[in-house]
Amino acid sequence: MATVSLENVNKVYDNGFQAIHDLSLDINDGEFLVLVGPSGCGKSTALRMIAGLEEITSGEMRIGERVVNEVEPKDRDIAMVFQNYALYPHMTVFDNIGFALKLAKVPKEEIEQRVRRAAEILELTTYLDRKPGQLSGGQRQRVAMGRAIVRQPAAFLMDEPLSNLDAKLRVQMRAEIASLQRNLGVTTFYVTHDQVEAMTMGDRVAVIKDGVLQQVDTPQNLYDRPENVFVAAFIGSPSMNLYESLIGVSGDRITATIGSQTVTLSDAVIAKRPALRGYDGRQVIVGIRPEDFEDVEFAPDAPADQRLTAPVRLIEALGSEIMVHFSLDATTVDSGDPDAVEERHGEDQANAVGRFNPRSRVRAGDSISIAVATENMHFFDAESRLSIWS
């Protein structure tokens, strides 16, 4: 096992396009670190540079104590798992898993031992004589994992390994991969565009956009304390609701005006974000997560000045919760995520989503009162788009 360190790493292609900008990132020994971001943000490029499949334009790359900028991929002591499995269709599962060991001229007895041990860990023992075409997608991905495990590398590199699986199998496999990594204790760098995957699997999550690292933290801290608008909206599903808002300060009272409506911020907000006092009369960006909206029927203690009124446009009943889409007469803010669905505009279009109690009886067409958990609201500077704290 080993640490993987990137220090001020850049990648500029021959046509002048810069895919990675001064990326500095440390993956600790035995850590599962997930790099997540939208399509084309540079995350796979970063992984390929660690693997040695892309040259580094500038900066320093270390695996353990060794600088590997000029080291060939085969000599970096890493194992990769790809999204397309990259299995040899004419070989059995046993031969696929042990192929790299055979190339390395590992003794047959040791190959046999390592392959069978990996197959046992991955529950593939009964499939060792089959060929990839006789396996399900999940089983093929386990074979790809087995091929990485038997090499006993210093680090695993995984490039969107679950993207070709159906939704149910992805959920199962991400739990299996996370459990496997914990049991093996191998340093793992995992790339995905799926923020749910990132949040459920990683010890830490690094968010990247346009080749620039935005924030690195534990999943919960990314969710609770995003450093900027992009991270706030990218982490969380459904995405955070973002609006232009005007802050008002009168003595100990601070308000946020969203469209034509004003809510009073709780003391908890002011305690967490004292810098808001300096924004009196200024425009900010306010963020409200869907779970911080609630049908007032299920939040009867919500103060009258911490409620919004809005017409309901669409109901999605999901059994354990209801997604309520409604319209606020407020200006929405683009998070900067190129993969996000473009916001719809117009009086009859929803620009907000709330995660309501499943017993709520709201219906499309209703004008409803909505409780806002102001203590959980997020605030960002309108110019820098950075979170407002102290």
Protein backbone atom coordinates (compact mmCIF):
# COMPACT_ATOMS: atom_id res chain seq x y z
CA MET A 1 0.00 0.00 0.00
CA ALA A 2 1.08 3.60 -0.53
CA THR A 3 0.03 7.20 -0.63
CA VAL A 4 -0.62 8.87 -3.99
CA SER A 5 0.25 12.57 -4.21
CA LEU A 6 -0.30 15.12 -6.95
CA GLU A 7 1.40 18.49 -6.52
CA ASN A 8 0.50 21.39 -8.83
CA VAL A 9 -0.13 18.97 -11.70
CA ASN A 10 -1.14 20.44 -15.06
CA LYS A 11 -2.21 18.85 -18.33
CA VAL A 12 -2.06 20.91 -21.53
CA TYR A 13 -2.70 19.20 -24.87
CA ASP A 14 -0.88 20.01 -28.10
CA ASN A 15 -3.81 22.14 -29.31
CA GLY A 16 -3.44 24.38 -26.26
CA PHE A 17 -6.44 23.05 -24.31
CA GLN A 18 -5.69 22.82 -20.59
CA ALA A 19 -7.57 19.89 -19.07
CA ILE A 20 -6.09 20.08 -15.55
CA HIS A 21 -5.11 23.25 -13.68
CA ASP A 22 -2.62 23.06 -10.78
CA LEU A 23 -4.18 19.96 -9.25
CA SER A 24 -2.84 19.21 -5.76
CA LEU A 25 -4.34 16.17 -4.07
CA ASP A 26 -3.15 13.62 -1.52
CA ILE A 27 -4.71 10.15 -1.33
CA ASN A 28 -3.74 8.68 2.03
CA ASP A 29 -2.47 5.16 2.58
CA GLY A 30 -5.47 2.82 2.55
CA GLU A 31 -7.94 5.62 1.78
CA PHE A 32 -10.87 5.41 -0.63
CA LEU A 33 -10.91 8.80 -2.36
CA VAL A 34 -13.53 9.58 -5.00
CA LEU A 35 -13.01 12.24 -7.67
CA VAL A 36 -16.38 13.45 -8.93
CA GLY A 37 -17.48 16.06 -11.43
CA PRO A 38 -19.58 16.65 -14.55
CA SER A 39 -18.78 15.36 -18.02
CA GLY A 40 -15.55 16.72 -19.48
CA CYS A 41 -14.28 18.18 -16.21
CA GLY A 42 -10.91 16.37 -16.33
CA LYS A 43 -11.47 13.62 -13.79
CA SER A 44 -10.56 10.73 -16.10
CA THR A 45 -7.56 12.71 -17.34
CA ALA A 46 -6.34 13.00 -13.74
CA LEU A 47 -6.71 9.25 -13.26
CA ARG A 48 -4.91 8.49 -16.51
CA MET A 49 -2.01 10.71 -15.45
CA ILE A 50 -1.69 8.75 -12.20
CA ALA A 51 -1.73 5.54 -14.25
CA GLY A 52 0.89 6.87 -16.66
CA LEU A 53 -1.46 6.71 -19.64
CA GLU A 54 -1.31 10.51 -20.04
CA GLU A 55 1.87 12.56 -19.79
CA ILE A 56 2.04 15.28 -17.14
CA THR A 57 2.72 18.72 -18.60
CA SER A 58 4.06 20.07 -15.31
CA GLY A 59 3.93 19.32 -11.60
CA GLU A 60 4.94 16.27 -9.61
CA MET A 61 3.29 12.88 -9.18
CA ARG A 62 4.30 10.51 -6.37
CA ILE A 63 3.27 6.97 -5.51
CA GLY A 64 4.66 6.26 -2.08
CA GLU A 65 8.00 8.05 -1.85
CA ARG A 66 8.78 7.68 -5.54
CA VAL A 67 8.30 10.41 -8.16
CA VAL A 68 6.66 8.64 -11.10
CA ASN A 69 6.38 11.40 -13.72
CA GLU A 70 8.64 9.48 -16.10
CA VAL A 71 7.89 5.94 -14.88
CA GLU A 72 6.21 3.56 -17.33
CA PRO A 73 2.63 2.46 -16.44
CA LYS A 74 3.68 -1.16 -15.93
CA ASP A 75 6.26 -0.08 -13.36
CA ARG A 76 3.99 2.11 -11.22
CA ASP A 77 2.60 -0.73 -9.09
CA ILE A 78 -1.02 0.21 -9.71
CA ALA A 79 -4.01 -1.79 -10.97
CA MET A 80 -6.86 -0.30 -13.00
CA VAL A 81 -10.53 -1.22 -13.26
CA PHE A 82 -12.34 0.19 -16.31
CA GLN A 83 -16.01 0.80 -17.08
CA ASN A 84 -15.96 -1.62 -20.02
CA TYR A 85 -14.37 -4.47 -17.97
CA ALA A 86 -11.67 -5.02 -20.66
CA LEU A 87 -11.91 -8.81 -20.35
CA TYR A 88 -10.55 -11.27 -22.92
CA PRO A 89 -13.65 -12.99 -24.35
CA HIS A 90 -11.80 -16.16 -25.40
CA MET A 91 -10.33 -16.75 -21.92
CA THR A 92 -11.97 -18.31 -18.90
CA VAL A 93 -12.60 -16.33 -15.75
CA PHE A 94 -9.58 -18.04 -14.16
CA ASP A 95 -7.30 -17.04 -17.03
CA ASN A 96 -8.64 -13.49 -17.15
CA ILE A 97 -7.99 -12.96 -13.45
CA GLY A 98 -4.52 -14.52 -13.60
CA PHE A 99 -3.39 -13.08 -16.94
CA ALA A 100 -1.24 -10.27 -15.54
CA LEU A 101 0.44 -12.70 -13.17
CA LYS A 102 1.22 -15.03 -16.07
CA LEU A 103 2.80 -12.15 -18.00
CA ALA A 104 4.88 -11.34 -14.93
CA LYS A 105 6.08 -14.99 -14.92
CA VAL A 106 4.70 -15.66 -11.45
CA PRO A 107 5.00 -19.40 -10.63
CA LYS A 108 1.93 -21.45 -11.55
CA GLU A 109 1.33 -22.57 -7.98
CA GLU A 110 1.23 -18.96 -6.78
CA ILE A 111 -1.07 -17.92 -9.64
CA GLU A 112 -3.44 -20.74 -8.69
CA GLN A 113 -3.40 -19.65 -5.04
CA ARG A 114 -3.91 -15.94 -5.75
CA VAL A 115 -6.66 -16.44 -8.33
CA ARG A 116 -8.64 -18.82 -6.14
CA ARG A 117 -8.28 -16.50 -3.15
CA ALA A 118 -9.58 -13.55 -5.22
CA ALA A 119 -12.41 -15.69 -6.57
CA GLU A 120 -13.38 -16.66 -3.05
CA ILE A 121 -13.43 -13.01 -1.91
CA LEU A 122 -15.56 -12.03 -4.91
CA GLU A 123 -17.81 -15.12 -4.85
CA LEU A 124 -16.63 -16.22 -8.28
CA THR A 125 -15.34 -19.69 -7.41
CA THR A 126 -18.15 -21.50 -9.28
CA TYR A 127 -17.56 -19.37 -12.40
CA LEU A 128 -13.82 -19.87 -12.87
CA ASP A 129 -14.28 -22.18 -15.89
CA ARG A 130 -16.76 -19.92 -17.66
CA LYS A 131 -16.02 -17.28 -20.28
CA PRO A 132 -17.09 -13.62 -19.97
CA GLY A 133 -19.94 -14.06 -22.45
CA GLN A 134 -21.59 -16.48 -20.02
CA LEU A 135 -21.60 -13.96 -17.15
CA SER A 136 -23.89 -11.13 -16.11
CA GLY A 137 -22.66 -7.54 -16.07
CA GLY A 138 -22.12 -7.63 -12.32
CA GLN A 139 -20.17 -10.88 -12.54
CA ARG A 140 -17.95 -9.46 -15.29
CA GLN A 141 -17.22 -6.45 -13.13
CA ARG A 142 -16.23 -8.78 -10.29
CA VAL A 143 -13.83 -10.54 -12.67
CA ALA A 144 -12.28 -7.16 -13.53
CA MET A 145 -11.95 -6.48 -9.79
CA GLY A 146 -10.37 -9.91 -9.31
CA ARG A 147 -7.76 -9.17 -11.96
CA ALA A 148 -6.81 -6.03 -10.00
CA ILE A 149 -6.79 -7.78 -6.60
CA VAL A 150 -4.43 -10.61 -7.57
CA ARG A 151 -1.72 -8.15 -8.54
CA GLN A 152 -1.54 -6.93 -4.91
CA PRO A 153 -0.81 -3.38 -6.09
CA ALA A 154 0.11 -0.30 -4.09
CA ALA A 155 -3.07 1.39 -5.34
CA PHE A 156 -6.29 0.74 -7.25
CA LEU A 157 -7.43 3.18 -9.95
CA MET A 158 -11.09 2.83 -10.92
CA ASP A 159 -12.53 4.74 -13.87
CA GLU A 160 -16.36 4.78 -13.70
CA PRO A 161 -16.47 0.98 -13.20
CA LEU A 162 -20.24 0.84 -12.62
CA SER A 163 -21.49 3.07 -15.43
CA ASN A 164 -22.43 0.16 -17.71
CA LEU A 165 -24.59 -1.58 -15.10
CA ASP A 166 -28.33 -1.11 -14.58
CA ALA A 167 -29.51 1.00 -11.66
CA LYS A 168 -30.26 -1.86 -9.24
CA LEU A 169 -26.96 -3.60 -9.91
CA ARG A 170 -25.04 -0.33 -9.51
CA VAL A 171 -26.42 0.04 -5.99
CA GLN A 172 -25.39 -3.51 -5.13
CA MET A 173 -21.94 -3.26 -6.70
CA ARG A 174 -21.02 0.06 -5.10
CA ALA A 175 -21.70 -1.46 -1.69
CA GLU A 176 -19.60 -4.50 -2.61
CA ILE A 177 -16.68 -2.43 -3.91
CA ALA A 178 -16.68 -0.19 -0.83
CA SER A 179 -16.75 -3.23 1.46
CA LEU A 180 -14.01 -4.96 -0.53
CA GLN A 181 -11.77 -1.90 -0.38
CA ARG A 182 -12.19 -1.63 3.39
CA ASN A 183 -11.31 -5.30 3.83
CA LEU A 184 -8.25 -5.11 1.57
CA GLY A 185 -7.14 -1.70 2.84
CA VAL A 186 -5.69 -0.76 -0.57
CA THR A 187 -5.31 2.93 -1.45
CA THR A 188 -8.06 3.58 -4.01
CA PHE A 189 -8.65 6.47 -6.42
CA TYR A 190 -12.17 6.20 -7.86
CA VAL A 191 -13.53 8.41 -10.65
CA THR A 192 -17.25 8.93 -11.27
CA HIS A 193 -19.72 11.51 -12.55
CA ASP A 194 -22.39 10.15 -10.18
CA GLN A 195 -22.45 12.21 -6.97
CA VAL A 196 -24.61 9.58 -5.20
CA GLU A 197 -21.88 7.02 -5.90
CA ALA A 198 -19.28 9.45 -4.58
CA MET A 199 -21.19 10.23 -1.40
CA THR A 200 -21.93 6.60 -0.52
CA MET A 201 -18.50 5.13 -1.27
CA GLY A 202 -15.74 7.60 -0.49
CA ASP A 203 -13.86 8.21 2.76
CA ARG A 204 -13.31 11.62 1.20
CA VAL A 205 -14.69 13.17 -1.96
CA ALA A 206 -12.90 15.60 -4.27
CA VAL A 207 -15.09 17.75 -6.52
CA ILE A 208 -13.60 19.00 -9.78
CA LYS A 209 -14.96 21.41 -12.42
CA ASP A 210 -13.27 22.50 -15.65
CA GLY A 211 -10.03 20.91 -14.49
CA VAL A 212 -9.96 22.93 -11.26
CA LEU A 213 -10.31 21.26 -7.87
CA GLN A 214 -13.25 22.85 -6.04
CA GLN A 215 -13.27 21.14 -2.62
CA VAL A 216 -12.03 18.00 -0.88
CA ASP A 217 -13.76 16.79 2.28
CA THR A 218 -15.78 14.02 3.86
CA PRO A 219 -19.12 13.38 2.15
CA GLN A 220 -21.13 14.89 5.02
CA ASN A 221 -18.99 18.03 5.22
CA LEU A 222 -19.33 18.55 1.47
CA TYR A 223 -23.09 18.38 1.91
CA ASP A 224 -23.29 20.57 5.02
CA ARG A 225 -20.50 23.07 4.31
CA PRO A 226 -20.01 23.48 0.55
CA GLU A 227 -17.40 26.10 -0.24
CA ASN A 228 -19.10 27.49 -3.34
CA VAL A 229 -22.29 27.46 -5.39
CA PHE A 230 -21.10 24.73 -7.75
CA VAL A 231 -20.29 22.23 -4.97
CA ALA A 232 -23.52 23.08 -3.15
CA ALA A 233 -25.64 22.31 -6.20
CA PHE A 234 -23.60 19.37 -7.50
CA ILE A 235 -23.68 17.45 -4.20
CA GLY A 236 -27.21 16.38 -3.32
CA SER A 237 -30.11 14.87 -5.23
CA PRO A 238 -32.38 16.55 -6.14
CA SER A 239 -30.09 19.52 -6.47
CA MET A 240 -30.15 22.50 -4.12
CA ASN A 241 -32.65 25.24 -5.04
CA LEU A 242 -30.71 28.45 -5.80
CA TYR A 243 -32.16 31.98 -6.00
CA GLU A 244 -31.12 35.59 -6.00
CA SER A 245 -31.97 37.07 -2.61
CA LEU A 246 -31.76 40.42 -0.82
CA ILE A 247 -30.49 40.48 2.77
CA GLY A 248 -31.98 42.88 5.31
CA VAL A 249 -30.53 43.62 8.76
CA SER A 250 -32.51 45.39 11.51
CA GLY A 251 -30.97 45.10 14.94
CA ASP A 252 -30.78 41.39 15.79
CA ARG A 253 -33.18 40.48 12.98
CA ILE A 254 -31.92 39.35 9.58
CA THR A 255 -34.23 38.64 6.67
CA ALA A 256 -33.83 37.15 3.22
CA THR A 257 -36.16 38.29 0.45
CA ILE A 258 -36.81 35.64 -2.21
CA GLY A 259 -38.83 37.07 -5.06
CA SER A 260 -41.77 38.94 -3.52
CA GLN A 261 -41.61 37.05 -0.21
CA THR A 262 -39.43 37.55 2.84
CA VAL A 263 -38.39 35.05 5.51
CA THR A 264 -36.77 35.81 8.84
CA LEU A 265 -33.60 33.89 9.48
CA SER A 266 -33.37 31.89 12.70
CA ASP A 267 -30.80 32.66 15.38
CA ALA A 268 -28.98 29.46 14.34
CA VAL A 269 -28.26 30.95 10.89
CA ILE A 270 -26.86 34.14 12.39
CA ALA A 271 -24.70 32.16 14.83
CA LYS A 272 -23.29 29.98 12.02
CA ARG A 273 -22.91 32.81 9.49
CA PRO A 274 -22.13 36.05 11.35
CA ALA A 275 -20.71 37.56 8.15
CA LEU A 276 -24.29 37.89 6.86
CA ARG A 277 -24.60 41.02 9.03
CA GLY A 278 -22.27 42.74 6.60
CA TYR A 279 -24.64 42.10 3.68
CA ASP A 280 -27.44 44.50 4.68
CA GLY A 281 -29.15 45.70 1.52
CA ARG A 282 -26.95 43.51 -0.68
CA GLN A 283 -27.78 40.80 -3.17
CA VAL A 284 -26.66 37.26 -2.31
CA ILE A 285 -27.35 33.77 -3.61
CA VAL A 286 -29.52 31.72 -1.28
CA GLY A 287 -29.61 27.93 -1.41
CA ILE A 288 -32.35 25.71 0.04
CA ARG A 289 -32.15 21.93 -0.12
CA PRO A 290 -35.36 20.06 -1.02
CA GLU A 291 -35.61 18.47 2.44
CA ASP A 292 -35.64 21.93 4.03
CA PHE A 293 -39.01 22.67 2.43
CA GLU A 294 -42.04 21.03 4.08
CA ASP A 295 -45.81 21.11 3.81
CA VAL A 296 -46.79 23.42 6.68
CA GLU A 297 -49.42 20.88 7.74
CA PHE A 298 -46.51 18.73 8.92
CA ALA A 299 -44.56 21.64 10.42
CA PRO A 300 -47.27 23.47 12.38
CA ASP A 301 -44.71 25.08 14.71
CA ALA A 302 -42.94 26.88 11.85
CA PRO A 303 -43.19 30.63 12.53
CA ALA A 304 -45.34 32.62 10.11
CA ASP A 305 -42.28 34.61 9.01
CA GLN A 306 -40.46 31.41 8.02
CA ARG A 307 -43.01 30.28 5.44
CA LEU A 308 -43.42 30.75 1.71
CA THR A 309 -46.56 30.52 -0.43
CA ALA A 310 -46.42 29.00 -3.90
CA PRO A 311 -48.55 27.21 -6.48
CA VAL A 312 -47.86 23.48 -7.00
CA ARG A 313 -47.03 22.42 -10.55
CA LEU A 314 -46.17 18.72 -10.25
CA ILE A 315 -46.26 15.92 -7.68
CA GLU A 316 -43.94 12.90 -7.72
CA ALA A 317 -45.15 10.33 -5.17
CA LEU A 318 -42.27 7.99 -4.36
CA GLY A 319 -43.81 6.07 -1.47
CA SER A 320 -41.35 7.04 1.26
CA GLU A 321 -41.48 10.71 0.24
CA ILE A 322 -43.18 13.13 -2.12
CA MET A 323 -41.28 15.43 -4.47
CA VAL A 324 -43.33 18.58 -4.83
CA HIS A 325 -42.43 20.93 -7.68
CA PHE A 326 -43.70 24.47 -7.19
CA SER A 327 -43.18 28.02 -8.48
CA LEU A 328 -41.55 30.90 -6.63
CA ASP A 329 -41.54 34.34 -8.25
CA ALA A 330 -37.79 34.51 -7.72
CA THR A 331 -34.83 34.59 -10.10
CA THR A 332 -33.04 31.25 -10.20
CA VAL A 333 -29.25 31.00 -10.28
CA ASP A 334 -27.23 28.81 -12.65
CA SER A 335 -24.94 26.55 -10.61
CA GLY A 336 -22.42 26.20 -13.44
CA ASP A 337 -22.97 22.45 -13.85
CA PRO A 338 -22.97 21.70 -17.61
CA ASP A 339 -24.85 18.43 -17.00
CA ALA A 340 -27.71 20.08 -15.09
CA VAL A 341 -31.12 20.29 -16.72
CA GLU A 342 -31.65 23.83 -17.94
CA GLU A 343 -33.98 25.76 -15.65
CA ARG A 344 -37.43 26.39 -17.07
CA HIS A 345 -38.96 29.85 -16.80
CA GLY A 346 -42.45 31.27 -16.91
CA GLU A 347 -45.30 31.65 -14.45
CA ASP A 348 -46.62 28.14 -15.05
CA GLN A 349 -43.23 26.44 -14.71
CA ALA A 350 -41.78 24.98 -11.51
CA ASN A 351 -38.47 26.44 -10.32
CA ALA A 352 -38.35 24.76 -6.89
CA VAL A 353 -38.57 21.23 -5.55
CA GLY A 354 -39.36 20.17 -1.99
CA ARG A 355 -39.09 16.76 -0.35
CA PHE A 356 -42.35 16.54 1.61
CA ASN A 357 -43.76 14.13 4.14
CA PRO A 358 -45.33 11.20 2.22
CA ARG A 359 -48.63 11.80 4.04
CA SER A 360 -48.93 15.29 2.54
CA ARG A 361 -52.16 15.80 0.62
CA VAL A 362 -51.00 18.65 -1.61
CA ARG A 363 -52.10 18.43 -5.21
CA ALA A 364 -51.00 19.99 -8.48
CA GLY A 365 -52.79 23.30 -8.89
CA ASP A 366 -52.99 24.00 -5.14
CA SER A 367 -51.57 27.18 -3.67
CA ILE A 368 -49.81 25.95 -0.56
CA SER A 369 -47.98 27.24 2.48
CA ILE A 370 -44.44 25.88 2.76
CA ALA A 371 -42.34 25.83 5.94
CA VAL A 372 -38.68 26.70 5.39
CA ALA A 373 -36.01 25.33 7.74
CA THR A 374 -34.10 28.61 7.69
CA GLU A 375 -31.43 27.23 10.04
CA ASN A 376 -30.27 25.00 7.16
CA MET A 377 -30.29 27.63 4.42
CA HIS A 378 -27.05 28.33 2.54
CA PHE A 379 -25.78 31.77 1.52
CA PHE A 380 -23.19 32.68 -1.09
CA ASP A 381 -21.59 35.95 -2.16
CA ALA A 382 -23.18 37.01 -5.45
CA GLU A 383 -19.85 37.95 -7.06
CA SER A 384 -17.36 35.38 -5.79
CA ARG A 385 -20.04 32.66 -5.43
CA LEU A 386 -18.22 31.52 -2.27
CA SER A 387 -20.09 30.47 0.85
CA ILE A 388 -20.71 33.18 3.44
CA TRP A 389 -19.60 32.14 6.91
CA SER A 390 -17.51 34.26 9.25
